[in-house]
Amino acid sequence: MHITDAGTNHNPERSLHTDLASVPPKLHSVIDDDSPIMLYPSAPHDFLFEVRKPHGTRGWLRLDKQLTLTEVNHVLTEAMQICGAGALVRDLVFAAVELANEPIRNQFRH
């Protein structure tokens, strides 16, 4: 459950699945996606990628609260910082996810 800024509860559906794979496969030899600095931050990042039906919005956020792809990727790197990832690793992952997800950028708020 997530408590929003307005104090309301948000419960994702039980069908929400995550592969916790926020790191593009090409970086797996450099960054271990099973390490705590990646595994835990990947959950909220994947949550924000989830497409909500029937609206087609992402992250189970209201249409007027949608995030840009860059904002979603910053959620990942901010969570990585909380989990102890250094600046170089965060910057590398941010650049990688921005590049890897460029083809779907138009599916997020502009």
PDB file of N, CA and C in Angstrom:
ATOM      1  N   MET A   1       0.838  -1.162   0.000  1.00  0.00           N
ATOM      2  CA  MET A   1       0.000   0.000   0.000  1.00  0.00           C
ATOM      3  C   MET A   1       0.892   1.237   0.000  1.00  0.00           C
ATOM      4  N   HIS A   2       0.423   2.275  -0.657  1.00  0.00           N
ATOM      5  CA  HIS A   2       1.136   3.537  -0.735  1.00  0.00           C
ATOM      6  C   HIS A   2       0.212   4.642  -0.239  1.00  0.00           C
ATOM      7  N   ILE A   3       0.697   5.488   0.633  1.00  0.00           N
ATOM      8  CA  ILE A   3      -0.072   6.637   1.103  1.00  0.00           C
ATOM      9  C   ILE A   3       0.329   7.832   0.249  1.00  0.00           C
ATOM     10  N   THR A   4      -0.617   8.429  -0.438  1.00  0.00           N
ATOM     11  CA  THR A   4      -0.311   9.552  -1.312  1.00  0.00           C
ATOM     12  C   THR A   4      -0.125  10.819  -0.503  1.00  0.00           C
ATOM     13  N   ASP A   5       0.332  11.894  -1.175  1.00  0.00           N
ATOM     14  CA  ASP A   5       0.515  13.182  -0.519  1.00  0.00           C
ATOM     15  C   ASP A   5      -0.786  13.686   0.094  1.00  0.00           C
ATOM     16  N   ALA A   6      -1.894  13.331  -0.531  1.00  0.00           N
ATOM     17  CA  ALA A   6      -3.192  13.776  -0.032  1.00  0.00           C
ATOM     18  C   ALA A   6      -3.676  12.911   1.129  1.00  0.00           C
ATOM     19  N   GLY A   7      -2.899  11.880   1.482  1.00  0.00           N
ATOM     20  CA  GLY A   7      -3.260  11.020   2.598  1.00  0.00           C
ATOM     21  C   GLY A   7      -4.176   9.874   2.228  1.00  0.00           C
ATOM     22  N   THR A   8      -4.415   9.690   0.935  1.00  0.00           N
ATOM     23  CA  THR A   8      -5.286   8.593   0.517  1.00  0.00           C
ATOM     24  C   THR A   8      -4.454   7.340   0.268  1.00  0.00           C
ATOM     25  N   ASN A   9      -5.065   6.197   0.450  1.00  0.00           N
ATOM     26  CA  ASN A   9      -4.384   4.916   0.243  1.00  0.00           C
ATOM     27  C   ASN A   9      -4.444   4.512  -1.214  1.00  0.00           C
ATOM     28  N   HIS A  10      -3.415   3.831  -1.646  1.00  0.00           N
ATOM     29  CA  HIS A  10      -3.396   3.275  -2.992  1.00  0.00           C
ATOM     30  C   HIS A  10      -2.933   1.829  -2.890  1.00  0.00           C
ATOM     31  N   ASN A  11      -3.755   0.912  -3.341  1.00  0.00           N
ATOM     32  CA  ASN A  11      -3.416  -0.506  -3.314  1.00  0.00           C
ATOM     33  C   ASN A  11      -3.335  -1.022  -4.738  1.00  0.00           C
ATOM     34  N   PRO A  12      -2.157  -1.383  -5.216  1.00  0.00           N
ATOM     35  CA  PRO A  12      -2.063  -1.946  -6.558  1.00  0.00           C
ATOM     36  C   PRO A  12      -2.806  -3.273  -6.624  1.00  0.00           C
ATOM     37  N   GLU A  13      -3.316  -3.602  -7.799  1.00  0.00           N
ATOM     38  CA  GLU A  13      -4.004  -4.875  -7.974  1.00  0.00           C
ATOM     39  C   GLU A  13      -3.054  -6.033  -7.746  1.00  0.00           C
ATOM     40  N   ARG A  14      -3.605  -7.152  -7.353  1.00  0.00           N
ATOM     41  CA  ARG A  14      -2.782  -8.341  -7.134  1.00  0.00           C
ATOM     42  C   ARG A  14      -2.133  -8.823  -8.421  1.00  0.00           C
ATOM     43  N   SER A  15      -2.681  -8.404  -9.550  1.00  0.00           N
ATOM     44  CA  SER A  15      -2.126  -8.841 -10.832  1.00  0.00           C
ATOM     45  C   SER A  15      -0.878  -8.062 -11.223  1.00  0.00           C
ATOM     46  N   LEU A  16      -0.482  -7.071 -10.423  1.00  0.00           N
ATOM     47  CA  LEU A  16       0.721  -6.307 -10.730  1.00  0.00           C
ATOM     48  C   LEU A  16       1.941  -7.223 -10.604  1.00  0.00           C
ATOM     49  N   HIS A  17       2.657  -7.370 -11.690  1.00  0.00           N
ATOM     50  CA  HIS A  17       3.846  -8.215 -11.695  1.00  0.00           C
ATOM     51  C   HIS A  17       5.052  -7.363 -12.051  1.00  0.00           C
ATOM     52  N   THR A  18       6.165  -7.710 -11.500  1.00  0.00           N
ATOM     53  CA  THR A  18       7.408  -7.031 -11.830  1.00  0.00           C
ATOM     54  C   THR A  18       8.501  -8.061 -12.016  1.00  0.00           C
ATOM     55  N   ASP A  19       9.343  -7.814 -12.999  1.00  0.00           N
ATOM     56  CA  ASP A  19      10.489  -8.701 -13.187  1.00  0.00           C
ATOM     57  C   ASP A  19      11.728  -8.120 -12.516  1.00  0.00           C
ATOM     58  N   LEU A  20      11.565  -6.942 -11.897  1.00  0.00           N
ATOM     59  CA  LEU A  20      12.655  -6.266 -11.206  1.00  0.00           C
ATOM     60  C   LEU A  20      13.869  -6.130 -12.127  1.00  0.00           C
ATOM     61  N   ALA A  21      13.586  -5.874 -13.383  1.00  0.00           N
ATOM     62  CA  ALA A  21      14.656  -5.812 -14.381  1.00  0.00           C
ATOM     63  C   ALA A  21      14.803  -4.401 -14.934  1.00  0.00           C
ATOM     64  N   SER A  22      15.053  -3.458 -14.073  1.00  0.00           N
ATOM     65  CA  SER A  22      15.182  -2.086 -14.526  1.00  0.00           C
ATOM     66  C   SER A  22      16.483  -1.832 -15.268  1.00  0.00           C
ATOM     67  N   VAL A  23      17.501  -2.632 -15.004  1.00  0.00           N
ATOM     68  CA  VAL A  23      18.783  -2.456 -15.674  1.00  0.00           C
ATOM     69  C   VAL A  23      18.736  -3.165 -17.022  1.00  0.00           C
ATOM     70  N   PRO A  24      19.015  -2.436 -18.106  1.00  0.00           N
ATOM     71  CA  PRO A  24      19.037  -3.087 -19.419  1.00  0.00           C
ATOM     72  C   PRO A  24      20.052  -4.241 -19.444  1.00  0.00           C
ATOM     73  N   PRO A  25      19.713  -5.335 -20.118  1.00  0.00           N
ATOM     74  CA  PRO A  25      20.573  -6.522 -20.142  1.00  0.00           C
ATOM     75  C   PRO A  25      22.029  -6.251 -20.531  1.00  0.00           C
ATOM     76  N   LYS A  26      22.261  -5.266 -21.383  1.00  0.00           N
ATOM     77  CA  LYS A  26      23.636  -4.978 -21.818  1.00  0.00           C
ATOM     78  C   LYS A  26      24.514  -4.494 -20.670  1.00  0.00           C
ATOM     79  N   LEU A  27      23.902  -4.055 -19.568  1.00  0.00           N
ATOM     80  CA  LEU A  27      24.680  -3.582 -18.425  1.00  0.00           C
ATOM     81  C   LEU A  27      24.870  -4.646 -17.356  1.00  0.00           C
ATOM     82  N   HIS A  28      24.296  -5.821 -17.518  1.00  0.00           N
ATOM     83  CA  HIS A  28      24.374  -6.850 -16.479  1.00  0.00           C
ATOM     84  C   HIS A  28      25.803  -7.280 -16.161  1.00  0.00           C
ATOM     85  N   SER A  29      26.700  -7.158 -17.113  1.00  0.00           N
ATOM     86  CA  SER A  29      28.086  -7.524 -16.816  1.00  0.00           C
ATOM     87  C   SER A  29      28.779  -6.449 -15.981  1.00  0.00           C
ATOM     88  N   VAL A  30      28.205  -5.251 -15.947  1.00  0.00           N
ATOM     89  CA  VAL A  30      28.780  -4.143 -15.187  1.00  0.00           C
ATOM     90  C   VAL A  30      28.046  -3.940 -13.859  1.00  0.00           C
ATOM     91  N   ILE A  31      26.721  -4.084 -13.896  1.00  0.00           N
ATOM     92  CA  ILE A  31      25.889  -3.841 -12.716  1.00  0.00           C
ATOM     93  C   ILE A  31      25.055  -5.080 -12.432  1.00  0.00           C
ATOM     94  N   ASP A  32      25.181  -5.628 -11.254  1.00  0.00           N
ATOM     95  CA  ASP A  32      24.428  -6.811 -10.838  1.00  0.00           C
ATOM     96  C   ASP A  32      23.002  -6.395 -10.501  1.00  0.00           C
ATOM     97  N   ASP A  33      22.042  -6.803 -11.336  1.00  0.00           N
ATOM     98  CA  ASP A  33      20.657  -6.385 -11.100  1.00  0.00           C
ATOM     99  C   ASP A  33      20.007  -7.115  -9.921  1.00  0.00           C
ATOM    100  N   ASP A  34      20.705  -8.083  -9.316  1.00  0.00           N
ATOM    101  CA  ASP A  34      20.196  -8.755  -8.114  1.00  0.00           C
ATOM    102  C   ASP A  34      20.760  -8.158  -6.829  1.00  0.00           C
ATOM    103  N   SER A  35      21.652  -7.185  -6.950  1.00  0.00           N
ATOM    104  CA  SER A  35      22.226  -6.576  -5.754  1.00  0.00           C
ATOM    105  C   SER A  35      21.192  -5.648  -5.102  1.00  0.00           C
ATOM    106  N   PRO A  36      21.287  -5.431  -3.801  1.00  0.00           N
ATOM    107  CA  PRO A  36      20.310  -4.573  -3.112  1.00  0.00           C
ATOM    108  C   PRO A  36      20.218  -3.158  -3.681  1.00  0.00           C
ATOM    109  N   ILE A  37      21.328  -2.640  -4.240  1.00  0.00           N
ATOM    110  CA  ILE A  37      21.254  -1.283  -4.783  1.00  0.00           C
ATOM    111  C   ILE A  37      20.459  -1.225  -6.080  1.00  0.00           C
ATOM    112  N   MET A  38      20.150  -2.389  -6.686  1.00  0.00           N
ATOM    113  CA  MET A  38      19.316  -2.435  -7.885  1.00  0.00           C
ATOM    114  C   MET A  38      17.992  -3.137  -7.651  1.00  0.00           C
ATOM    115  N   LEU A  39      18.008  -4.223  -6.899  1.00  0.00           N
ATOM    116  CA  LEU A  39      16.811  -5.032  -6.732  1.00  0.00           C
ATOM    117  C   LEU A  39      15.678  -4.248  -6.075  1.00  0.00           C
ATOM    118  N   TYR A  40      15.959  -3.624  -4.933  1.00  0.00           N
ATOM    119  CA  TYR A  40      14.910  -2.900  -4.219  1.00  0.00           C
ATOM    120  C   TYR A  40      14.427  -1.670  -4.985  1.00  0.00           C
ATOM    121  N   PRO A  41      15.308  -0.867  -5.556  1.00  0.00           N
ATOM    122  CA  PRO A  41      14.837   0.288  -6.316  1.00  0.00           C
ATOM    123  C   PRO A  41      14.063  -0.081  -7.590  1.00  0.00           C
ATOM    124  N   SER A  42      14.282  -1.285  -8.102  1.00  0.00           N
ATOM    125  CA  SER A  42      13.586  -1.683  -9.321  1.00  0.00           C
ATOM    126  C   SER A  42      12.081  -1.840  -9.116  1.00  0.00           C
ATOM    127  N   ALA A  43      11.652  -2.182  -7.921  1.00  0.00           N
ATOM    128  CA  ALA A  43      10.220  -2.400  -7.682  1.00  0.00           C
ATOM    129  C   ALA A  43       9.393  -1.134  -7.945  1.00  0.00           C
ATOM    130  N   PRO A  44       9.712   0.019  -7.325  1.00  0.00           N
ATOM    131  CA  PRO A  44       8.908   1.211  -7.638  1.00  0.00           C
ATOM    132  C   PRO A  44       9.076   1.656  -9.086  1.00  0.00           C
ATOM    133  N   HIS A  45      10.257   1.447  -9.656  1.00  0.00           N
ATOM    134  CA  HIS A  45      10.483   1.812 -11.055  1.00  0.00           C
ATOM    135  C   HIS A  45       9.581   0.979 -11.960  1.00  0.00           C
ATOM    136  N   ASP A  46       9.550  -0.330 -11.736  1.00  0.00           N
ATOM    137  CA  ASP A  46       8.686  -1.198 -12.532  1.00  0.00           C
ATOM    138  C   ASP A  46       7.216  -0.856 -12.320  1.00  0.00           C
ATOM    139  N   PHE A  47       6.852  -0.513 -11.098  1.00  0.00           N
ATOM    140  CA  PHE A  47       5.473  -0.116 -10.795  1.00  0.00           C
ATOM    141  C   PHE A  47       5.072   1.079 -11.668  1.00  0.00           C
ATOM    142  N   LEU A  48       5.958   2.025 -11.834  1.00  0.00           N
ATOM    143  CA  LEU A  48       5.655   3.213 -12.630  1.00  0.00           C
ATOM    144  C   LEU A  48       5.632   2.926 -14.125  1.00  0.00           C
ATOM    145  N   PHE A  49       6.161   1.769 -14.535  1.00  0.00           N
ATOM    146  CA  PHE A  49       6.098   1.362 -15.933  1.00  0.00           C
ATOM    147  C   PHE A  49       4.822   0.580 -16.247  1.00  0.00           C
ATOM    148  N   GLU A  50       4.190   0.024 -15.226  1.00  0.00           N
ATOM    149  CA  GLU A  50       3.001  -0.816 -15.419  1.00  0.00           C
ATOM    150  C   GLU A  50       1.902  -0.025 -16.132  1.00  0.00           C
ATOM    151  N   VAL A  51       1.327  -0.609 -17.179  1.00  0.00           N
ATOM    152  CA  VAL A  51       0.247   0.044 -17.917  1.00  0.00           C
ATOM    153  C   VAL A  51      -1.079  -0.289 -17.253  1.00  0.00           C
ATOM    154  N   ARG A  52      -1.831   0.738 -16.921  1.00  0.00           N
ATOM    155  CA  ARG A  52      -3.129   0.558 -16.266  1.00  0.00           C
ATOM    156  C   ARG A  52      -4.219   0.453 -17.322  1.00  0.00           C
ATOM    157  N   LYS A  53      -4.984  -0.589 -17.226  1.00  0.00           N
ATOM    158  CA  LYS A  53      -6.111  -0.762 -18.135  1.00  0.00           C
ATOM    159  C   LYS A  53      -7.360  -0.269 -17.420  1.00  0.00           C
ATOM    160  N   PRO A  54      -8.338   0.287 -18.028  1.00  0.00           N
ATOM    161  CA  PRO A  54      -8.494   0.484 -19.475  1.00  0.00           C
ATOM    162  C   PRO A  54      -7.942   1.820 -19.969  1.00  0.00           C
ATOM    163  N   HIS A  55      -7.420   2.646 -19.083  1.00  0.00           N
ATOM    164  CA  HIS A  55      -7.010   3.996 -19.461  1.00  0.00           C
ATOM    165  C   HIS A  55      -5.728   4.046 -20.266  1.00  0.00           C
ATOM    166  N   GLY A  56      -4.869   3.057 -20.109  1.00  0.00           N
ATOM    167  CA  GLY A  56      -3.590   3.067 -20.793  1.00  0.00           C
ATOM    168  C   GLY A  56      -2.569   3.971 -20.125  1.00  0.00           C
ATOM    169  N   THR A  57      -2.895   4.453 -18.908  1.00  0.00           N
ATOM    170  CA  THR A  57      -1.938   5.285 -18.191  1.00  0.00           C
ATOM    171  C   THR A  57      -0.891   4.385 -17.555  1.00  0.00           C
ATOM    172  N   ARG A  58       0.213   4.955 -17.146  1.00  0.00           N
ATOM    173  CA  ARG A  58       1.295   4.173 -16.569  1.00  0.00           C
ATOM    174  C   ARG A  58       1.407   4.427 -15.073  1.00  0.00           C
ATOM    175  N   GLY A  59       1.831   3.399 -14.356  1.00  0.00           N
ATOM    176  CA  GLY A  59       2.132   3.535 -12.941  1.00  0.00           C
ATOM    177  C   GLY A  59       0.947   3.614 -12.019  1.00  0.00           C
ATOM    178  N   TRP A  60      -0.211   3.285 -12.497  1.00  0.00           N
ATOM    179  CA  TRP A  60      -1.402   3.319 -11.659  1.00  0.00           C
ATOM    180  C   TRP A  60      -1.620   4.706 -11.059  1.00  0.00           C
ATOM    181  N   LEU A  61      -1.191   5.713 -11.800  1.00  0.00           N
ATOM    182  CA  LEU A  61      -1.389   7.092 -11.383  1.00  0.00           C
ATOM    183  C   LEU A  61      -2.531   7.682 -12.194  1.00  0.00           C
ATOM    184  N   ARG A  62      -3.247   8.606 -11.590  1.00  0.00           N
ATOM    185  CA  ARG A  62      -4.334   9.269 -12.324  1.00  0.00           C
ATOM    186  C   ARG A  62      -3.761   9.939 -13.560  1.00  0.00           C
ATOM    187  N   LEU A  63      -4.616  10.119 -14.553  1.00  0.00           N
ATOM    188  CA  LEU A  63      -4.189  10.719 -15.803  1.00  0.00           C
ATOM    189  C   LEU A  63      -3.542  12.086 -15.580  1.00  0.00           C
ATOM    190  N   ASP A  64      -4.060  12.855 -14.632  1.00  0.00           N
ATOM    191  CA  ASP A  64      -3.506  14.189 -14.378  1.00  0.00           C
ATOM    192  C   ASP A  64      -2.254  14.160 -13.508  1.00  0.00           C
ATOM    193  N   LYS A  65      -1.820  12.965 -13.073  1.00  0.00           N
ATOM    194  CA  LYS A  65      -0.618  12.816 -12.240  1.00  0.00           C
ATOM    195  C   LYS A  65       0.482  12.020 -12.939  1.00  0.00           C
ATOM    196  N   GLN A  66       0.337  11.782 -14.235  1.00  0.00           N
ATOM    197  CA  GLN A  66       1.311  10.990 -14.969  1.00  0.00           C
ATOM    198  C   GLN A  66       2.684  11.638 -14.934  1.00  0.00           C
ATOM    199  N   LEU A  67       3.715  10.816 -14.956  1.00  0.00           N
ATOM    200  CA  LEU A  67       5.100  11.279 -14.927  1.00  0.00           C
ATOM    201  C   LEU A  67       5.721  11.168 -16.314  1.00  0.00           C
ATOM    202  N   THR A  68       6.754  11.957 -16.548  1.00  0.00           N
ATOM    203  CA  THR A  68       7.527  11.784 -17.776  1.00  0.00           C
ATOM    204  C   THR A  68       8.444  10.583 -17.591  1.00  0.00           C
ATOM    205  N   LEU A  69       8.980  10.066 -18.678  1.00  0.00           N
ATOM    206  CA  LEU A  69       9.915   8.946 -18.591  1.00  0.00           C
ATOM    207  C   LEU A  69      11.122   9.342 -17.755  1.00  0.00           C
ATOM    208  N   THR A  70      11.608  10.546 -17.926  1.00  0.00           N
ATOM    209  CA  THR A  70      12.764  10.999 -17.149  1.00  0.00           C
ATOM    210  C   THR A  70      12.442  11.051 -15.658  1.00  0.00           C
ATOM    211  N   GLU A  71      11.238  11.495 -15.292  1.00  0.00           N
ATOM    212  CA  GLU A  71      10.850  11.507 -13.877  1.00  0.00           C
ATOM    213  C   GLU A  71      10.785  10.092 -13.320  1.00  0.00           C
ATOM    214  N   VAL A  72      10.252   9.159 -14.109  1.00  0.00           N
ATOM    215  CA  VAL A  72      10.187   7.754 -13.682  1.00  0.00           C
ATOM    216  C   VAL A  72      11.594   7.206 -13.469  1.00  0.00           C
ATOM    217  N   ASN A  73      12.509   7.526 -14.365  1.00  0.00           N
ATOM    218  CA  ASN A  73      13.879   7.036 -14.237  1.00  0.00           C
ATOM    219  C   ASN A  73      14.599   7.686 -13.058  1.00  0.00           C
ATOM    220  N   HIS A  74      14.237   8.911 -12.732  1.00  0.00           N
ATOM    221  CA  HIS A  74      14.817   9.543 -11.541  1.00  0.00           C
ATOM    222  C   HIS A  74      14.327   8.856 -10.263  1.00  0.00           C
ATOM    223  N   VAL A  75      13.115   8.321 -10.272  1.00  0.00           N
ATOM    224  CA  VAL A  75      12.628   7.551  -9.118  1.00  0.00           C
ATOM    225  C   VAL A  75      13.572   6.377  -8.872  1.00  0.00           C
ATOM    226  N   LEU A  76      13.983   5.718  -9.947  1.00  0.00           N
ATOM    227  CA  LEU A  76      14.915   4.592  -9.828  1.00  0.00           C
ATOM    228  C   LEU A  76      16.234   5.036  -9.203  1.00  0.00           C
ATOM    229  N   THR A  77      16.834   6.098  -9.733  1.00  0.00           N
ATOM    230  CA  THR A  77      18.144   6.495  -9.246  1.00  0.00           C
ATOM    231  C   THR A  77      18.082   7.104  -7.845  1.00  0.00           C
ATOM    232  N   GLU A  78      16.975   7.765  -7.503  1.00  0.00           N
ATOM    233  CA  GLU A  78      16.826   8.265  -6.131  1.00  0.00           C
ATOM    234  C   GLU A  78      16.699   7.103  -5.151  1.00  0.00           C
ATOM    235  N   ALA A  79      15.962   6.068  -5.549  1.00  0.00           N
ATOM    236  CA  ALA A  79      15.855   4.883  -4.690  1.00  0.00           C
ATOM    237  C   ALA A  79      17.200   4.169  -4.593  1.00  0.00           C
ATOM    238  N   MET A  80      17.958   4.167  -5.666  1.00  0.00           N
ATOM    239  CA  MET A  80      19.289   3.567  -5.636  1.00  0.00           C
ATOM    240  C   MET A  80      20.184   4.294  -4.632  1.00  0.00           C
ATOM    241  N   GLN A  81      20.077   5.617  -4.597  1.00  0.00           N
ATOM    242  CA  GLN A  81      20.876   6.394  -3.646  1.00  0.00           C
ATOM    243  C   GLN A  81      20.510   6.021  -2.215  1.00  0.00           C
ATOM    244  N   ILE A  82      19.220   5.877  -1.945  1.00  0.00           N
ATOM    245  CA  ILE A  82      18.761   5.477  -0.614  1.00  0.00           C
ATOM    246  C   ILE A  82      19.343   4.115  -0.238  1.00  0.00           C
ATOM    247  N   CYS A  83      19.481   3.236  -1.238  1.00  0.00           N
ATOM    248  CA  CYS A  83      20.002   1.887  -0.992  1.00  0.00           C
ATOM    249  C   CYS A  83      21.520   1.822  -1.023  1.00  0.00           C
ATOM    250  N   GLY A  84      22.193   2.961  -1.196  1.00  0.00           N
ATOM    251  CA  GLY A  84      23.641   2.992  -1.079  1.00  0.00           C
ATOM    252  C   GLY A  84      24.436   3.030  -2.369  1.00  0.00           C
ATOM    253  N   ALA A  85      23.780   3.180  -3.514  1.00  0.00           N
ATOM    254  CA  ALA A  85      24.520   3.232  -4.780  1.00  0.00           C
ATOM    255  C   ALA A  85      25.258   4.563  -4.905  1.00  0.00           C
ATOM    256  N   GLY A  86      26.481   4.503  -5.386  1.00  0.00           N
ATOM    257  CA  GLY A  86      27.271   5.700  -5.593  1.00  0.00           C
ATOM    258  C   GLY A  86      26.820   6.483  -6.817  1.00  0.00           C
ATOM    259  N   ALA A  87      27.297   7.703  -6.921  1.00  0.00           N
ATOM    260  CA  ALA A  87      26.890   8.605  -8.005  1.00  0.00           C
ATOM    261  C   ALA A  87      27.232   8.052  -9.381  1.00  0.00           C
ATOM    262  N   LEU A  88      28.405   7.457  -9.544  1.00  0.00           N
ATOM    263  CA  LEU A  88      28.799   6.925 -10.844  1.00  0.00           C
ATOM    264  C   LEU A  88      27.846   5.821 -11.299  1.00  0.00           C
ATOM    265  N   VAL A  89      27.518   4.911 -10.406  1.00  0.00           N
ATOM    266  CA  VAL A  89      26.596   3.818 -10.745  1.00  0.00           C
ATOM    267  C   VAL A  89      25.214   4.385 -11.073  1.00  0.00           C
ATOM    268  N   ARG A  90      24.737   5.323 -10.268  1.00  0.00           N
ATOM    269  CA  ARG A  90      23.421   5.938 -10.519  1.00  0.00           C
ATOM    270  C   ARG A  90      23.401   6.635 -11.871  1.00  0.00           C
ATOM    271  N   ASP A  91      24.446   7.381 -12.182  1.00  0.00           N
ATOM    272  CA  ASP A  91      24.497   8.094 -13.459  1.00  0.00           C
ATOM    273  C   ASP A  91      24.538   7.130 -14.638  1.00  0.00           C
ATOM    274  N   LEU A  92      25.289   6.047 -14.490  1.00  0.00           N
ATOM    275  CA  LEU A  92      25.369   5.040 -15.549  1.00  0.00           C
ATOM    276  C   LEU A  92      24.015   4.375 -15.773  1.00  0.00           C
ATOM    277  N   VAL A  93      23.351   3.999 -14.694  1.00  0.00           N
ATOM    278  CA  VAL A  93      22.036   3.354 -14.814  1.00  0.00           C
ATOM    279  C   VAL A  93      21.021   4.330 -15.394  1.00  0.00           C
ATOM    280  N   PHE A  94      21.041   5.587 -14.939  1.00  0.00           N
ATOM    281  CA  PHE A  94      20.093   6.575 -15.459  1.00  0.00           C
ATOM    282  C   PHE A  94      20.264   6.734 -16.969  1.00  0.00           C
ATOM    283  N   ALA A  95      21.503   6.886 -17.425  1.00  0.00           N
ATOM    284  CA  ALA A  95      21.753   7.038 -18.858  1.00  0.00           C
ATOM    285  C   ALA A  95      21.289   5.800 -19.625  1.00  0.00           C
ATOM    286  N   ALA A  96      21.528   4.627 -19.057  1.00  0.00           N
ATOM    287  CA  ALA A  96      21.146   3.378 -19.724  1.00  0.00           C
ATOM    288  C   ALA A  96      19.636   3.229 -19.835  1.00  0.00           C
ATOM    289  N   VAL A  97      18.905   3.519 -18.768  1.00  0.00           N
ATOM    290  CA  VAL A  97      17.447   3.354 -18.835  1.00  0.00           C
ATOM    291  C   VAL A  97      16.813   4.429 -19.701  1.00  0.00           C
ATOM    292  N   GLU A  98      17.388   5.625 -19.710  1.00  0.00           N
ATOM    293  CA  GLU A  98      16.880   6.667 -20.611  1.00  0.00           C
ATOM    294  C   GLU A  98      17.026   6.211 -22.061  1.00  0.00           C
ATOM    295  N   LEU A  99      18.198   5.697 -22.407  1.00  0.00           N
ATOM    296  CA  LEU A  99      18.461   5.255 -23.771  1.00  0.00           C
ATOM    297  C   LEU A  99      17.636   4.017 -24.132  1.00  0.00           C
ATOM    298  N   ALA A 100      17.604   3.041 -23.244  1.00  0.00           N
ATOM    299  CA  ALA A 100      16.889   1.790 -23.519  1.00  0.00           C
ATOM    300  C   ALA A 100      15.393   2.002 -23.692  1.00  0.00           C
ATOM    301  N   ASN A 101      14.845   2.996 -23.005  1.00  0.00           N
ATOM    302  CA  ASN A 101      13.399   3.213 -23.052  1.00  0.00           C
ATOM    303  C   ASN A 101      12.975   4.346 -23.977  1.00  0.00           C
ATOM    304  N   GLU A 102      13.906   4.879 -24.723  1.00  0.00           N
ATOM    305  CA  GLU A 102      13.582   5.968 -25.659  1.00  0.00           C
ATOM    306  C   GLU A 102      12.430   5.601 -26.604  1.00  0.00           C
ATOM    307  N   PRO A 103      12.359   4.365 -27.122  1.00  0.00           N
ATOM    308  CA  PRO A 103      11.266   4.030 -28.045  1.00  0.00           C
ATOM    309  C   PRO A 103       9.857   4.133 -27.432  1.00  0.00           C
ATOM    310  N   ILE A 104       9.759   4.084 -26.111  1.00  0.00           N
ATOM    311  CA  ILE A 104       8.427   4.178 -25.480  1.00  0.00           C
ATOM    312  C   ILE A 104       8.212   5.512 -24.773  1.00  0.00           C
ATOM    313  N   ARG A 105       9.082   6.471 -24.992  1.00  0.00           N
ATOM    314  CA  ARG A 105       8.978   7.775 -24.312  1.00  0.00           C
ATOM    315  C   ARG A 105       7.611   8.418 -24.520  1.00  0.00           C
ATOM    316  N   ASN A 106       7.025   8.255 -25.723  1.00  0.00           N
ATOM    317  CA  ASN A 106       5.742   8.893 -26.009  1.00  0.00           C
ATOM    318  C   ASN A 106       4.580   8.271 -25.229  1.00  0.00           C
ATOM    319  N   GLN A 107       4.810   7.161 -24.526  1.00  0.00           N
ATOM    320  CA  GLN A 107       3.759   6.547 -23.713  1.00  0.00           C
ATOM    321  C   GLN A 107       3.673   7.168 -22.324  1.00  0.00           C
ATOM    322  N   PHE A 108       4.546   8.110 -22.043  1.00  0.00           N
ATOM    323  CA  PHE A 108       4.565   8.799 -20.766  1.00  0.00           C
ATOM    324  C   PHE A 108       4.148  10.245 -20.991  1.00  0.00           C
ATOM    325  N   ARG A 109       3.911  10.961 -19.886  1.00  0.00           N
ATOM    326  CA  ARG A 109       3.558  12.381 -20.014  1.00  0.00           C
ATOM    327  C   ARG A 109       4.707  13.094 -20.698  1.00  0.00           C
ATOM    328  N   HIS A 110       4.352  14.079 -21.504  1.00  0.00           N
ATOM    329  CA  HIS A 110       5.382  14.848 -22.238  1.00  0.00           C
ATOM    330  C   HIS A 110       5.684  16.139 -21.532  1.00  0.00           C
TER     331      HIS A 110
END
